[in-house]
Amino acid sequence: MKTTTSGLGARAKGHVGGRPKKMNQNKRKLDVRFCEEKQHLIDAVWRMIGIS
C-alpha cells in the first residue's frame, strides 16, 4: 500500500518510470519503409536501425 501511494505521488509530480523507448519517430519511419519495400529481411532492417 505504501509503495502504491508513493508511486501515485511521483506520477502526480510528472515522474514516469520504465525503460526508455528504443525506436524514435525517424527509426519507425525507416522500419516501415524498408519492410514495405520487401528488399531486406526483417532481421537485416532491425540491425540497420539498431534494434534487436
Protein backbone atom coordinates (compact mmCIF):
# COMPACT_ATOMS: atom_id res chain seq x y z
CA MET A 1 0.00 0.00 0.00
CA LYS A 2 2.80 2.38 0.86
CA THR A 3 4.56 1.86 -2.49
CA THR A 4 1.30 2.41 -4.37
CA THR A 5 0.68 5.78 -2.78
CA SER A 6 4.29 6.87 -3.26
CA GLY A 7 4.10 5.82 -6.91
CA LEU A 8 0.96 7.84 -7.44
CA GLY A 9 2.60 10.83 -5.78
CA ALA A 10 5.60 10.55 -8.10
CA ARG A 11 3.36 10.35 -11.15
CA ALA A 12 1.45 13.42 -9.97
CA LYS A 13 4.78 15.28 -9.92
CA GLY A 14 5.45 14.27 -13.51
CA HIS A 15 7.84 11.38 -12.94
CA VAL A 16 7.41 8.41 -15.21
CA GLY A 17 9.18 5.11 -14.88
CA GLY A 18 10.10 2.27 -17.12
CA ARG A 19 12.55 1.53 -19.84
CA PRO A 20 13.20 4.20 -22.50
CA LYS A 21 11.75 3.61 -25.95
CA LYS A 22 14.16 2.03 -28.42
CA MET A 23 12.56 3.41 -31.59
CA ASN A 24 12.00 7.09 -32.16
CA GLN A 25 9.80 8.51 -34.93
CA ASN A 26 12.60 8.50 -37.55
CA LYS A 27 13.57 4.89 -36.86
CA ARG A 28 9.92 3.86 -37.04
CA LYS A 29 9.52 5.51 -40.46
CA LEU A 30 12.66 3.78 -41.76
CA ASP A 31 11.45 0.44 -40.43
CA VAL A 32 8.09 0.77 -42.15
CA ARG A 33 9.66 1.91 -45.42
CA PHE A 34 12.22 -0.90 -45.53
CA CYS A 35 9.61 -3.54 -44.67
CA GLU A 36 7.21 -2.25 -47.33
CA GLU A 37 9.94 -2.35 -49.99
CA LYS A 38 10.47 -6.06 -49.22
CA GLN A 39 14.07 -5.92 -50.42
CA HIS A 40 15.57 -6.65 -47.00
CA LEU A 41 14.94 -9.30 -44.38
CA ILE A 42 13.38 -8.06 -41.16
CA ASP A 43 16.48 -9.07 -39.18
CA ALA A 44 18.67 -7.02 -41.52
CA VAL A 45 16.37 -4.00 -41.21
CA TRP A 46 16.45 -4.22 -37.43
CA ARG A 47 20.25 -4.48 -37.44
CA MET A 48 20.49 -1.38 -39.67
CA ILE A 49 18.16 0.56 -37.36
CA GLY A 50 19.85 -0.69 -34.21
CA ILE A 51 17.18 -2.77 -32.50
CA SER A 52 17.33 -6.42 -31.59
